PDB file of N, CA and C in Angstrom:
ATOM      1  N   UNK A   1     -27.033 -21.691  11.236  1.00  0.00           N
ATOM      2  CA  UNK A   1     -25.884 -21.024  10.644  1.00  0.00           C
ATOM      3  C   UNK A   1     -25.856 -21.295   9.148  1.00  0.00           C
ATOM      4  N   UNK A   2     -26.942 -20.972   8.521  1.00  0.00           N
ATOM      5  CA  UNK A   2     -27.116 -21.257   7.104  1.00  0.00           C
ATOM      6  C   UNK A   2     -26.304 -20.355   6.182  1.00  0.00           C
ATOM      7  N   UNK A   3     -25.829 -19.199   6.664  1.00  0.00           N
ATOM      8  CA  UNK A   3     -25.080 -18.290   5.802  1.00  0.00           C
ATOM      9  C   UNK A   3     -23.571 -18.511   5.849  1.00  0.00           C
ATOM     10  N   UNK A   4     -23.106 -19.361   6.742  1.00  0.00           N
ATOM     11  CA  UNK A   4     -21.673 -19.594   6.868  1.00  0.00           C
ATOM     12  C   UNK A   4     -21.195 -20.395   5.664  1.00  0.00           C
ATOM     13  N   UNK A   5     -20.204 -19.876   4.938  1.00  0.00           N
ATOM     14  CA  UNK A   5     -19.674 -20.608   3.784  1.00  0.00           C
ATOM     15  C   UNK A   5     -19.107 -21.961   4.212  1.00  0.00           C
ATOM     16  N   UNK A   6     -19.141 -22.905   3.311  1.00  0.00           N
ATOM     17  CA  UNK A   6     -18.706 -24.274   3.604  1.00  0.00           C
ATOM     18  C   UNK A   6     -17.273 -24.323   4.131  1.00  0.00           C
ATOM     19  N   UNK A   7     -16.403 -23.443   3.625  1.00  0.00           N
ATOM     20  CA  UNK A   7     -15.012 -23.477   4.069  1.00  0.00           C
ATOM     21  C   UNK A   7     -14.823 -22.978   5.509  1.00  0.00           C
ATOM     22  N   UNK A   8     -15.889 -22.426   6.112  1.00  0.00           N
ATOM     23  CA  UNK A   8     -15.821 -21.952   7.498  1.00  0.00           C
ATOM     24  C   UNK A   8     -16.818 -22.656   8.417  1.00  0.00           C
ATOM     25  N   UNK A   9     -17.570 -23.568   7.872  1.00  0.00           N
ATOM     26  CA  UNK A   9     -18.651 -24.211   8.628  1.00  0.00           C
ATOM     27  C   UNK A   9     -18.150 -25.069   9.781  1.00  0.00           C
ATOM     28  N   UNK A  10     -16.911 -25.533   9.741  1.00  0.00           N
ATOM     29  CA  UNK A  10     -16.397 -26.399  10.804  1.00  0.00           C
ATOM     30  C   UNK A  10     -15.833 -25.613  11.991  1.00  0.00           C
ATOM     31  N   UNK A  11     -15.831 -24.303  11.922  1.00  0.00           N
ATOM     32  CA  UNK A  11     -15.312 -23.488  13.019  1.00  0.00           C
ATOM     33  C   UNK A  11     -16.350 -23.347  14.131  1.00  0.00           C
ATOM     34  N   UNK A  12     -15.866 -23.260  15.346  1.00  0.00           N
ATOM     35  CA  UNK A  12     -16.730 -23.126  16.514  1.00  0.00           C
ATOM     36  C   UNK A  12     -17.186 -21.672  16.641  1.00  0.00           C
ATOM     37  N   UNK A  13     -18.455 -21.458  16.865  1.00  0.00           N
ATOM     38  CA  UNK A  13     -18.985 -20.106  17.052  1.00  0.00           C
ATOM     39  C   UNK A  13     -19.461 -19.921  18.484  1.00  0.00           C
ATOM     40  N   UNK A  14     -19.513 -18.709  18.916  1.00  0.00           N
ATOM     41  CA  UNK A  14     -20.058 -18.355  20.222  1.00  0.00           C
ATOM     42  C   UNK A  14     -21.528 -17.983  20.059  1.00  0.00           C
ATOM     43  N   UNK A  15     -21.798 -17.070  19.145  1.00  0.00           N
ATOM     44  CA  UNK A  15     -23.163 -16.605  18.876  1.00  0.00           C
ATOM     45  C   UNK A  15     -23.477 -16.840  17.402  1.00  0.00           C
ATOM     46  N   UNK A  16     -23.848 -18.068  17.097  1.00  0.00           N
ATOM     47  CA  UNK A  16     -24.075 -18.465  15.708  1.00  0.00           C
ATOM     48  C   UNK A  16     -25.042 -17.578  14.964  1.00  0.00           C
ATOM     49  N   UNK A  17     -26.137 -17.162  15.600  1.00  0.00           N
ATOM     50  CA  UNK A  17     -27.115 -16.317  14.921  1.00  0.00           C
ATOM     51  C   UNK A  17     -26.524 -14.948  14.571  1.00  0.00           C
ATOM     52  N   UNK A  18     -25.632 -14.459  15.432  1.00  0.00           N
ATOM     53  CA  UNK A  18     -24.997 -13.175  15.137  1.00  0.00           C
ATOM     54  C   UNK A  18     -23.963 -13.305  14.024  1.00  0.00           C
ATOM     55  N   UNK A  19     -23.351 -14.472  13.931  1.00  0.00           N
ATOM     56  CA  UNK A  19     -22.423 -14.719  12.825  1.00  0.00           C
ATOM     57  C   UNK A  19     -23.180 -14.616  11.507  1.00  0.00           C
ATOM     58  N   UNK A  20     -24.339 -15.230  11.443  1.00  0.00           N
ATOM     59  CA  UNK A  20     -25.155 -15.155  10.220  1.00  0.00           C
ATOM     60  C   UNK A  20     -25.589 -13.720   9.945  1.00  0.00           C
ATOM     61  N   UNK A  21     -25.977 -12.991  11.000  1.00  0.00           N
ATOM     62  CA  UNK A  21     -26.341 -11.582  10.827  1.00  0.00           C
ATOM     63  C   UNK A  21     -25.157 -10.766  10.307  1.00  0.00           C
ATOM     64  N   UNK A  22     -23.964 -11.065  10.838  1.00  0.00           N
ATOM     65  CA  UNK A  22     -22.763 -10.343  10.398  1.00  0.00           C
ATOM     66  C   UNK A  22     -22.451 -10.642   8.935  1.00  0.00           C
ATOM     67  N   UNK A  23     -22.587 -11.890   8.536  1.00  0.00           N
ATOM     68  CA  UNK A  23     -22.342 -12.267   7.141  1.00  0.00           C
ATOM     69  C   UNK A  23     -23.338 -11.555   6.232  1.00  0.00           C
ATOM     70  N   UNK A  24     -24.603 -11.502   6.659  1.00  0.00           N
ATOM     71  CA  UNK A  24     -25.619 -10.798   5.872  1.00  0.00           C
ATOM     72  C   UNK A  24     -25.307  -9.299   5.809  1.00  0.00           C
ATOM     73  N   UNK A  25     -24.826  -8.733   6.914  1.00  0.00           N
ATOM     74  CA  UNK A  25     -24.509  -7.305   6.952  1.00  0.00           C
ATOM     75  C   UNK A  25     -23.348  -6.968   6.023  1.00  0.00           C
ATOM     76  N   UNK A  26     -22.373  -7.851   5.947  1.00  0.00           N
ATOM     77  CA  UNK A  26     -21.227  -7.628   5.058  1.00  0.00           C
ATOM     78  C   UNK A  26     -21.679  -7.657   3.603  1.00  0.00           C
ATOM     79  N   UNK A  27     -22.529  -8.602   3.266  1.00  0.00           N
ATOM     80  CA  UNK A  27     -23.088  -8.669   1.923  1.00  0.00           C
ATOM     81  C   UNK A  27     -22.108  -9.165   0.875  1.00  0.00           C
ATOM     82  N   UNK A  28     -22.379  -8.759  -0.338  1.00  0.00           N
ATOM     83  CA  UNK A  28     -21.618  -9.196  -1.500  1.00  0.00           C
ATOM     84  C   UNK A  28     -20.181  -8.675  -1.449  1.00  0.00           C
ATOM     85  N   UNK A  29     -19.178  -9.551  -1.601  1.00  0.00           N
ATOM     86  CA  UNK A  29     -17.777  -9.108  -1.584  1.00  0.00           C
ATOM     87  C   UNK A  29     -17.467  -8.061  -2.653  1.00  0.00           C
ATOM     88  N   UNK A  30     -18.121  -8.137  -3.788  1.00  0.00           N
ATOM     89  CA  UNK A  30     -17.906  -7.141  -4.841  1.00  0.00           C
ATOM     90  C   UNK A  30     -18.366  -5.756  -4.413  1.00  0.00           C
ATOM     91  N   UNK A  31     -19.472  -5.705  -3.690  1.00  0.00           N
ATOM     92  CA  UNK A  31     -19.990  -4.437  -3.172  1.00  0.00           C
ATOM     93  C   UNK A  31     -19.022  -3.858  -2.131  1.00  0.00           C
ATOM     94  N   UNK A  32     -18.498  -4.730  -1.274  1.00  0.00           N
ATOM     95  CA  UNK A  32     -17.519  -4.299  -0.273  1.00  0.00           C
ATOM     96  C   UNK A  32     -16.277  -3.746  -0.973  1.00  0.00           C
ATOM     97  N   UNK A  33     -15.824  -4.397  -2.024  1.00  0.00           N
ATOM     98  CA  UNK A  33     -14.638  -3.955  -2.777  1.00  0.00           C
ATOM     99  C   UNK A  33     -14.892  -2.591  -3.417  1.00  0.00           C
ATOM    100  N   UNK A  34     -16.076  -2.382  -3.965  1.00  0.00           N
ATOM    101  CA  UNK A  34     -16.416  -1.102  -4.576  1.00  0.00           C
ATOM    102  C   UNK A  34     -16.312   0.025  -3.562  1.00  0.00           C
ATOM    103  N   UNK A  35     -16.866  -0.196  -2.369  1.00  0.00           N
ATOM    104  CA  UNK A  35     -16.799   0.826  -1.323  1.00  0.00           C
ATOM    105  C   UNK A  35     -15.374   1.008  -0.819  1.00  0.00           C
ATOM    106  N   UNK A  36     -14.639  -0.063  -0.716  1.00  0.00           N
ATOM    107  CA  UNK A  36     -13.246   0.029  -0.288  1.00  0.00           C
ATOM    108  C   UNK A  36     -12.451   0.882  -1.273  1.00  0.00           C
ATOM    109  N   UNK A  37     -12.698   0.678  -2.557  1.00  0.00           N
ATOM    110  CA  UNK A  37     -12.020   1.472  -3.589  1.00  0.00           C
ATOM    111  C   UNK A  37     -12.399   2.949  -3.480  1.00  0.00           C
ATOM    112  N   UNK A  38     -13.679   3.229  -3.204  1.00  0.00           N
ATOM    113  CA  UNK A  38     -14.108   4.619  -3.032  1.00  0.00           C
ATOM    114  C   UNK A  38     -13.372   5.265  -1.856  1.00  0.00           C
ATOM    115  N   UNK A  39     -13.341   4.539  -0.739  1.00  0.00           N
ATOM    116  CA  UNK A  39     -12.660   5.087   0.431  1.00  0.00           C
ATOM    117  C   UNK A  39     -11.172   5.293   0.162  1.00  0.00           C
ATOM    118  N   UNK A  40     -10.563   4.411  -0.615  1.00  0.00           N
ATOM    119  CA  UNK A  40      -9.141   4.569  -0.956  1.00  0.00           C
ATOM    120  C   UNK A  40      -8.922   5.849  -1.763  1.00  0.00           C
ATOM    121  N   UNK A  41      -9.835   6.154  -2.675  1.00  0.00           N
ATOM    122  CA  UNK A  41      -9.725   7.397  -3.440  1.00  0.00           C
ATOM    123  C   UNK A  41      -9.822   8.615  -2.524  1.00  0.00           C
ATOM    124  N   UNK A  42     -10.704   8.542  -1.543  1.00  0.00           N
ATOM    125  CA  UNK A  42     -10.909   9.663  -0.626  1.00  0.00           C
ATOM    126  C   UNK A  42      -9.809   9.766   0.424  1.00  0.00           C
ATOM    127  N   UNK A  43      -9.034   8.695   0.618  1.00  0.00           N
ATOM    128  CA  UNK A  43      -8.023   8.677   1.668  1.00  0.00           C
ATOM    129  C   UNK A  43      -6.818   9.553   1.350  1.00  0.00           C
ATOM    130  N   UNK A  44      -6.624   9.911   0.102  1.00  0.00           N
ATOM    131  CA  UNK A  44      -5.504  10.760  -0.279  1.00  0.00           C
ATOM    132  C   UNK A  44      -5.904  12.228  -0.077  1.00  0.00           C
ATOM    133  N   UNK A  45      -5.130  12.984   0.723  1.00  0.00           N
ATOM    134  CA  UNK A  45      -5.497  14.383   0.994  1.00  0.00           C
ATOM    135  C   UNK A  45      -5.622  15.257  -0.257  1.00  0.00           C
ATOM    136  N   UNK A  46      -4.773  15.037  -1.247  1.00  0.00           N
ATOM    137  CA  UNK A  46      -4.862  15.848  -2.471  1.00  0.00           C
ATOM    138  C   UNK A  46      -6.137  15.544  -3.243  1.00  0.00           C
ATOM    139  N   UNK A  47      -6.448  14.265  -3.410  1.00  0.00           N
ATOM    140  CA  UNK A  47      -7.680  13.908  -4.129  1.00  0.00           C
ATOM    141  C   UNK A  47      -8.906  14.389  -3.364  1.00  0.00           C
ATOM    142  N   UNK A  48      -8.867  14.247  -2.040  1.00  0.00           N
ATOM    143  CA  UNK A  48     -10.000  14.711  -1.242  1.00  0.00           C
ATOM    144  C   UNK A  48     -10.163  16.226  -1.374  1.00  0.00           C
ATOM    145  N   UNK A  49      -9.070  16.950  -1.383  1.00  0.00           N
ATOM    146  CA  UNK A  49      -9.133  18.412  -1.569  1.00  0.00           C
ATOM    147  C   UNK A  49      -9.765  18.762  -2.908  1.00  0.00           C
ATOM    148  N   UNK A  50      -9.345  18.073  -3.948  1.00  0.00           N
ATOM    149  CA  UNK A  50      -9.927  18.316  -5.274  1.00  0.00           C
ATOM    150  C   UNK A  50     -11.421  18.038  -5.272  1.00  0.00           C
ATOM    151  N   UNK A  51     -11.800  16.913  -4.686  1.00  0.00           N
ATOM    152  CA  UNK A  51     -13.214  16.537  -4.656  1.00  0.00           C
ATOM    153  C   UNK A  51     -14.046  17.522  -3.847  1.00  0.00           C
ATOM    154  N   UNK A  52     -13.507  17.967  -2.712  1.00  0.00           N
ATOM    155  CA  UNK A  52     -14.231  18.953  -1.910  1.00  0.00           C
ATOM    156  C   UNK A  52     -14.419  20.256  -2.680  1.00  0.00           C
ATOM    157  N   UNK A  53     -13.370  20.694  -3.372  1.00  0.00           N
ATOM    158  CA  UNK A  53     -13.478  21.923  -4.168  1.00  0.00           C
ATOM    159  C   UNK A  53     -14.543  21.776  -5.246  1.00  0.00           C
ATOM    160  N   UNK A  54     -14.521  20.649  -5.944  1.00  0.00           N
ATOM    161  CA  UNK A  54     -15.501  20.424  -7.002  1.00  0.00           C
ATOM    162  C   UNK A  54     -16.908  20.277  -6.448  1.00  0.00           C
ATOM    163  N   UNK A  55     -17.020  19.588  -5.335  1.00  0.00           N
ATOM    164  CA  UNK A  55     -18.335  19.356  -4.729  1.00  0.00           C
ATOM    165  C   UNK A  55     -18.969  20.673  -4.273  1.00  0.00           C
ATOM    166  N   UNK A  56     -18.166  21.534  -3.690  1.00  0.00           N
ATOM    167  CA  UNK A  56     -18.714  22.755  -3.088  1.00  0.00           C
ATOM    168  C   UNK A  56     -18.835  23.926  -4.049  1.00  0.00           C
ATOM    169  N   UNK A  57     -18.051  23.917  -5.136  1.00  0.00           N
ATOM    170  CA  UNK A  57     -18.088  25.069  -6.038  1.00  0.00           C
ATOM    171  C   UNK A  57     -18.653  24.749  -7.414  1.00  0.00           C
ATOM    172  N   UNK A  58     -18.729  23.493  -7.760  1.00  0.00           N
ATOM    173  CA  UNK A  58     -19.167  23.139  -9.096  1.00  0.00           C
ATOM    174  C   UNK A  58     -17.982  22.958 -10.026  1.00  0.00           C
ATOM    175  N   UNK A  59     -18.247  22.855 -11.313  1.00  0.00           N
ATOM    176  CA  UNK A  59     -17.194  22.536 -12.287  1.00  0.00           C
ATOM    177  C   UNK A  59     -16.040  23.534 -12.271  1.00  0.00           C
ATOM    178  N   UNK A  60     -14.815  22.984 -12.291  1.00  0.00           N
ATOM    179  CA  UNK A  60     -13.598  23.796 -12.332  1.00  0.00           C
ATOM    180  C   UNK A  60     -12.587  23.176 -13.287  1.00  0.00           C
ATOM    181  N   UNK A  61     -11.758  24.029 -13.868  1.00  0.00           N
ATOM    182  CA  UNK A  61     -10.686  23.603 -14.765  1.00  0.00           C
ATOM    183  C   UNK A  61      -9.456  23.215 -13.950  1.00  0.00           C
ATOM    184  N   UNK A  62      -8.551  22.469 -14.573  1.00  0.00           N
ATOM    185  CA  UNK A  62      -7.333  21.989 -13.916  1.00  0.00           C
ATOM    186  C   UNK A  62      -6.543  23.140 -13.306  1.00  0.00           C
ATOM    187  N   UNK A  63      -6.313  24.200 -14.063  1.00  0.00           N
ATOM    188  CA  UNK A  63      -5.494  25.306 -13.560  1.00  0.00           C
ATOM    189  C   UNK A  63      -6.147  25.977 -12.351  1.00  0.00           C
ATOM    190  N   UNK A  64      -7.459  26.100 -12.358  1.00  0.00           N
ATOM    191  CA  UNK A  64      -8.163  26.691 -11.219  1.00  0.00           C
ATOM    192  C   UNK A  64      -8.096  25.770  -9.999  1.00  0.00           C
ATOM    193  N   UNK A  65      -8.214  24.475 -10.236  1.00  0.00           N
ATOM    194  CA  UNK A  65      -8.083  23.516  -9.136  1.00  0.00           C
ATOM    195  C   UNK A  65      -6.671  23.546  -8.550  1.00  0.00           C
ATOM    196  N   UNK A  66      -5.672  23.715  -9.405  1.00  0.00           N
ATOM    197  CA  UNK A  66      -4.289  23.784  -8.936  1.00  0.00           C
ATOM    198  C   UNK A  66      -4.089  24.987  -8.019  1.00  0.00           C
ATOM    199  N   UNK A  67      -4.640  26.115  -8.406  1.00  0.00           N
ATOM    200  CA  UNK A  67      -4.522  27.319  -7.576  1.00  0.00           C
ATOM    201  C   UNK A  67      -5.272  27.115  -6.263  1.00  0.00           C
ATOM    202  N   UNK A  68      -6.474  26.572  -6.327  1.00  0.00           N
ATOM    203  CA  UNK A  68      -7.300  26.401  -5.125  1.00  0.00           C
ATOM    204  C   UNK A  68      -6.679  25.431  -4.127  1.00  0.00           C
ATOM    205  N   UNK A  69      -6.035  24.375  -4.622  1.00  0.00           N
ATOM    206  CA  UNK A  69      -5.500  23.339  -3.739  1.00  0.00           C
ATOM    207  C   UNK A  69      -4.026  23.510  -3.402  1.00  0.00           C
ATOM    208  N   UNK A  70      -3.315  24.363  -4.149  1.00  0.00           N
ATOM    209  CA  UNK A  70      -1.879  24.519  -3.940  1.00  0.00           C
ATOM    210  C   UNK A  70      -1.066  23.436  -4.620  1.00  0.00           C
ATOM    211  N   UNK A  71      -1.716  22.630  -5.448  1.00  0.00           N
ATOM    212  CA  UNK A  71      -1.024  21.580  -6.199  1.00  0.00           C
ATOM    213  C   UNK A  71      -0.541  22.174  -7.522  1.00  0.00           C
ATOM    214  N   UNK A  72       0.365  21.468  -8.209  1.00  0.00           N
ATOM    215  CA  UNK A  72       0.746  21.921  -9.545  1.00  0.00           C
ATOM    216  C   UNK A  72      -0.180  21.267 -10.575  1.00  0.00           C
ATOM    217  N   UNK A  73      -0.225  21.851 -11.761  1.00  0.00           N
ATOM    218  CA  UNK A  73      -1.139  21.371 -12.805  1.00  0.00           C
ATOM    219  C   UNK A  73      -0.973  19.884 -13.129  1.00  0.00           C
ATOM    220  N   UNK A  74       0.272  19.381 -13.311  1.00  0.00           N
ATOM    221  CA  UNK A  74       0.405  17.951 -13.616  1.00  0.00           C
ATOM    222  C   UNK A  74      -0.125  17.046 -12.494  1.00  0.00           C
ATOM    223  N   UNK A  75       0.077  17.441 -11.240  1.00  0.00           N
ATOM    224  CA  UNK A  75      -0.428  16.633 -10.119  1.00  0.00           C
ATOM    225  C   UNK A  75      -1.957  16.622 -10.111  1.00  0.00           C
ATOM    226  N   UNK A  76      -2.565  17.756 -10.398  1.00  0.00           N
ATOM    227  CA  UNK A  76      -4.027  17.826 -10.482  1.00  0.00           C
ATOM    228  C   UNK A  76      -4.517  16.944 -11.628  1.00  0.00           C
ATOM    229  N   UNK A  77      -3.865  17.046 -12.764  1.00  0.00           N
ATOM    230  CA  UNK A  77      -4.264  16.230 -13.921  1.00  0.00           C
ATOM    231  C   UNK A  77      -4.168  14.740 -13.614  1.00  0.00           C
ATOM    232  N   UNK A  78      -3.092  14.334 -12.944  1.00  0.00           N
ATOM    233  CA  UNK A  78      -2.917  12.925 -12.595  1.00  0.00           C
ATOM    234  C   UNK A  78      -4.003  12.466 -11.636  1.00  0.00           C
ATOM    235  N   UNK A  79      -4.299  13.265 -10.624  1.00  0.00           N
ATOM    236  CA  UNK A  79      -5.342  12.901  -9.670  1.00  0.00           C
ATOM    237  C   UNK A  79      -6.700  12.825 -10.364  1.00  0.00           C
ATOM    238  N   UNK A  80      -6.981  13.773 -11.234  1.00  0.00           N
ATOM    239  CA  UNK A  80      -8.250  13.757 -11.958  1.00  0.00           C
ATOM    240  C   UNK A  80      -8.345  12.559 -12.898  1.00  0.00           C
ATOM    241  N   UNK A  81      -7.221  12.142 -13.443  1.00  0.00           N
ATOM    242  CA  UNK A  81      -7.200  10.959 -14.305  1.00  0.00           C
ATOM    243  C   UNK A  81      -7.648   9.730 -13.512  1.00  0.00           C
ATOM    244  N   UNK A  82      -7.124   9.589 -12.291  1.00  0.00           N
ATOM    245  CA  UNK A  82      -7.537   8.473 -11.432  1.00  0.00           C
ATOM    246  C   UNK A  82      -9.017   8.559 -11.066  1.00  0.00           C
ATOM    247  N   UNK A  83      -9.440   9.755 -10.693  1.00  0.00           N
ATOM    248  CA  UNK A  83     -10.842   9.947 -10.302  1.00  0.00           C
ATOM    249  C   UNK A  83     -11.793   9.731 -11.479  1.00  0.00           C
ATOM    250  N   UNK A  84     -11.365  10.140 -12.649  1.00  0.00           N
ATOM    251  CA  UNK A  84     -12.180   9.942 -13.855  1.00  0.00           C
ATOM    252  C   UNK A  84     -12.265   8.455 -14.202  1.00  0.00           C
ATOM    253  N   UNK A  85     -11.139   7.745 -14.106  1.00  0.00           N
ATOM    254  CA  UNK A  85     -11.110   6.310 -14.403  1.00  0.00           C
ATOM    255  C   UNK A  85     -12.005   5.533 -13.434  1.00  0.00           C
ATOM    256  N   UNK A  86     -12.122   6.025 -12.217  1.00  0.00           N
ATOM    257  CA  UNK A  86     -12.969   5.371 -11.217  1.00  0.00           C
ATOM    258  C   UNK A  86     -14.432   5.781 -11.351  1.00  0.00           C
ATOM    259  N   UNK A  87     -14.723   6.712 -12.244  1.00  0.00           N
ATOM    260  CA  UNK A  87     -16.097   7.153 -12.447  1.00  0.00           C
ATOM    261  C   UNK A  87     -16.589   8.136 -11.400  1.00  0.00           C
ATOM    262  N   UNK A  88     -15.667   8.768 -10.690  1.00  0.00           N
ATOM    263  CA  UNK A  88     -16.037   9.699  -9.627  1.00  0.00           C
ATOM    264  C   UNK A  88     -16.237  11.108 -10.179  1.00  0.00           C
ATOM    265  N   UNK A  89     -15.422  11.497 -11.147  1.00  0.00           N
ATOM    266  CA  UNK A  89     -15.563  12.810 -11.777  1.00  0.00           C
ATOM    267  C   UNK A  89     -15.702  12.631 -13.284  1.00  0.00           C
ATOM    268  N   UNK A  90     -16.212  13.668 -13.910  1.00  0.00           N
ATOM    269  CA  UNK A  90     -16.298  13.705 -15.369  1.00  0.00           C
ATOM    270  C   UNK A  90     -15.907  15.101 -15.815  1.00  0.00           C
ATOM    271  N   UNK A  91     -15.341  15.178 -17.007  1.00  0.00           N
ATOM    272  CA  UNK A  91     -14.947  16.461 -17.571  1.00  0.00           C
ATOM    273  C   UNK A  91     -15.873  16.848 -18.700  1.00  0.00           C
ATOM    274  N   UNK A  92     -16.156  18.139 -18.773  1.00  0.00           N
ATOM    275  CA  UNK A  92     -16.966  18.679 -19.858  1.00  0.00           C
ATOM    276  C   UNK A  92     -16.141  19.729 -20.576  1.00  0.00           C
ATOM    277  N   UNK A  93     -15.939  19.506 -21.857  1.00  0.00           N
ATOM    278  CA  UNK A  93     -15.091  20.391 -22.647  1.00  0.00           C
ATOM    279  C   UNK A  93     -15.913  21.562 -23.185  1.00  0.00           C
ATOM    280  N   UNK A  94     -15.362  22.752 -22.981  1.00  0.00           N
ATOM    281  CA  UNK A  94     -15.936  23.982 -23.532  1.00  0.00           C
ATOM    282  C   UNK A  94     -14.820  24.680 -24.285  1.00  0.00           C
ATOM    283  N   UNK A  95     -14.777  24.487 -25.589  1.00  0.00           N
ATOM    284  CA  UNK A  95     -13.662  25.008 -26.381  1.00  0.00           C
ATOM    285  C   UNK A  95     -12.390  24.272 -26.003  1.00  0.00           C
ATOM    286  N   UNK A  96     -11.393  25.003 -25.528  1.00  0.00           N
ATOM    287  CA  UNK A  96     -10.127  24.381 -25.113  1.00  0.00           C
ATOM    288  C   UNK A  96     -10.111  23.999 -23.634  1.00  0.00           C
ATOM    289  N   UNK A  97     -11.103  24.448 -22.893  1.00  0.00           N
ATOM    290  CA  UNK A  97     -11.119  24.258 -21.442  1.00  0.00           C
ATOM    291  C   UNK A  97     -11.980  23.057 -21.070  1.00  0.00           C
ATOM    292  N   UNK A  98     -11.449  22.210 -20.185  1.00  0.00           N
ATOM    293  CA  UNK A  98     -12.212  21.090 -19.638  1.00  0.00           C
ATOM    294  C   UNK A  98     -12.482  21.404 -18.174  1.00  0.00           C
ATOM    295  N   UNK A  99     -13.766  21.419 -17.832  1.00  0.00           N
ATOM    296  CA  UNK A  99     -14.165  21.644 -16.447  1.00  0.00           C
ATOM    297  C   UNK A  99     -14.641  20.321 -15.868  1.00  0.00           C
ATOM    298  N   UNK A 100     -14.169  20.019 -14.667  1.00  0.00           N
ATOM    299  CA  UNK A 100     -14.486  18.743 -14.011  1.00  0.00           C
ATOM    300  C   UNK A 100     -15.545  18.941 -12.944  1.00  0.00           C
ATOM    301  N   UNK A 101     -16.337  17.879 -12.738  1.00  0.00           N
ATOM    302  CA  UNK A 101     -17.364  17.895 -11.698  1.00  0.00           C
ATOM    303  C   UNK A 101     -17.496  16.503 -11.110  1.00  0.00           C
ATOM    304  N   UNK A 102     -18.005  16.422  -9.905  1.00  0.00           N
ATOM    305  CA  UNK A 102     -18.235  15.139  -9.237  1.00  0.00           C
ATOM    306  C   UNK A 102     -19.520  14.536  -9.804  1.00  0.00           C
ATOM    307  N   UNK A 103     -19.447  13.283 -10.262  1.00  0.00           N
ATOM    308  CA  UNK A 103     -20.619  12.631 -10.843  1.00  0.00           C
ATOM    309  C   UNK A 103     -21.078  11.401 -10.060  1.00  0.00           C
ATOM    310  N   UNK A 104     -20.253  10.895  -9.175  1.00  0.00           N
ATOM    311  CA  UNK A 104     -20.611   9.714  -8.391  1.00  0.00           C
ATOM    312  C   UNK A 104     -21.489  10.146  -7.213  1.00  0.00           C
ATOM    313  N   UNK A 105     -22.743   9.710  -7.222  1.00  0.00           N
ATOM    314  CA  UNK A 105     -23.700  10.113  -6.192  1.00  0.00           C
ATOM    315  C   UNK A 105     -23.274   9.654  -4.799  1.00  0.00           C
ATOM    316  N   UNK A 106     -22.718   8.454  -4.693  1.00  0.00           N
ATOM    317  CA  UNK A 106     -22.290   7.940  -3.384  1.00  0.00           C
ATOM    318  C   UNK A 106     -21.155   8.792  -2.825  1.00  0.00           C
ATOM    319  N   UNK A 107     -20.211   9.167  -3.673  1.00  0.00           N
ATOM    320  CA  UNK A 107     -19.098  10.012  -3.227  1.00  0.00           C
ATOM    321  C   UNK A 107     -19.624  11.393  -2.877  1.00  0.00           C
ATOM    322  N   UNK A 108     -20.563  11.889  -3.655  1.00  0.00           N
ATOM    323  CA  UNK A 108     -21.158  13.186  -3.351  1.00  0.00           C
ATOM    324  C   UNK A 108     -21.796  13.189  -1.953  1.00  0.00           C
ATOM    325  N   UNK A 109     -22.461  12.084  -1.623  1.00  0.00           N
ATOM    326  CA  UNK A 109     -23.052  11.950  -0.297  1.00  0.00           C
ATOM    327  C   UNK A 109     -22.012  11.955   0.802  1.00  0.00           C
ATOM    328  N   UNK A 110     -20.891  11.281   0.560  1.00  0.00           N
ATOM    329  CA  UNK A 110     -19.803  11.279   1.547  1.00  0.00           C
ATOM    330  C   UNK A 110     -19.192  12.676   1.695  1.00  0.00           C
ATOM    331  N   UNK A 111     -19.001  13.356   0.582  1.00  0.00           N
ATOM    332  CA  UNK A 111     -18.414  14.695   0.641  1.00  0.00           C
ATOM    333  C   UNK A 111     -19.315  15.668   1.387  1.00  0.00           C
ATOM    334  N   UNK A 112     -20.605  15.473   1.307  1.00  0.00           N
ATOM    335  CA  UNK A 112     -21.545  16.341   2.021  1.00  0.00           C
ATOM    336  C   UNK A 112     -21.370  16.209   3.532  1.00  0.00           C
ATOM    337  N   UNK A 113     -20.813  15.090   3.978  1.00  0.00           N
ATOM    338  CA  UNK A 113     -20.604  14.863   5.411  1.00  0.00           C
ATOM    339  C   UNK A 113     -19.315  15.489   5.938  1.00  0.00           C
ATOM    340  N   UNK A 114     -18.433  15.899   5.032  1.00  0.00           N
ATOM    341  CA  UNK A 114     -17.149  16.485   5.435  1.00  0.00           C
ATOM    342  C   UNK A 114     -17.353  17.974   5.664  1.00  0.00           C
ATOM    343  N   UNK A 115     -17.046  18.422   6.856  1.00  0.00           N
ATOM    344  CA  UNK A 115     -17.280  19.858   7.138  1.00  0.00           C
ATOM    345  C   UNK A 115     -15.994  20.639   7.155  1.00  0.00           C
TER     346      UNK A 115
END
């Protein structure tokens, strides 16, 4: 049971080798947190709708996303602000218009699984 942290080493195990396998499977806590944060972003129906629209159609402006999702412009802007801060989407400015697209490859892979 070489992978068990010292603060848990005194606990009784049933299948010690599987405990070590489970610890290895969980991996780095920072990596787990990153994925947890991604799933939290996707857990909101409005954000997921925006991401699906962007994933399937390509770059779209806030007003077009608002029409497509039934959200109002400020709500779309707020959701995109969160997604942009998390590095999931990026905006490209063309004159006065900013079109957003999904840039996170891991999120893109998850969105491809949503039918």
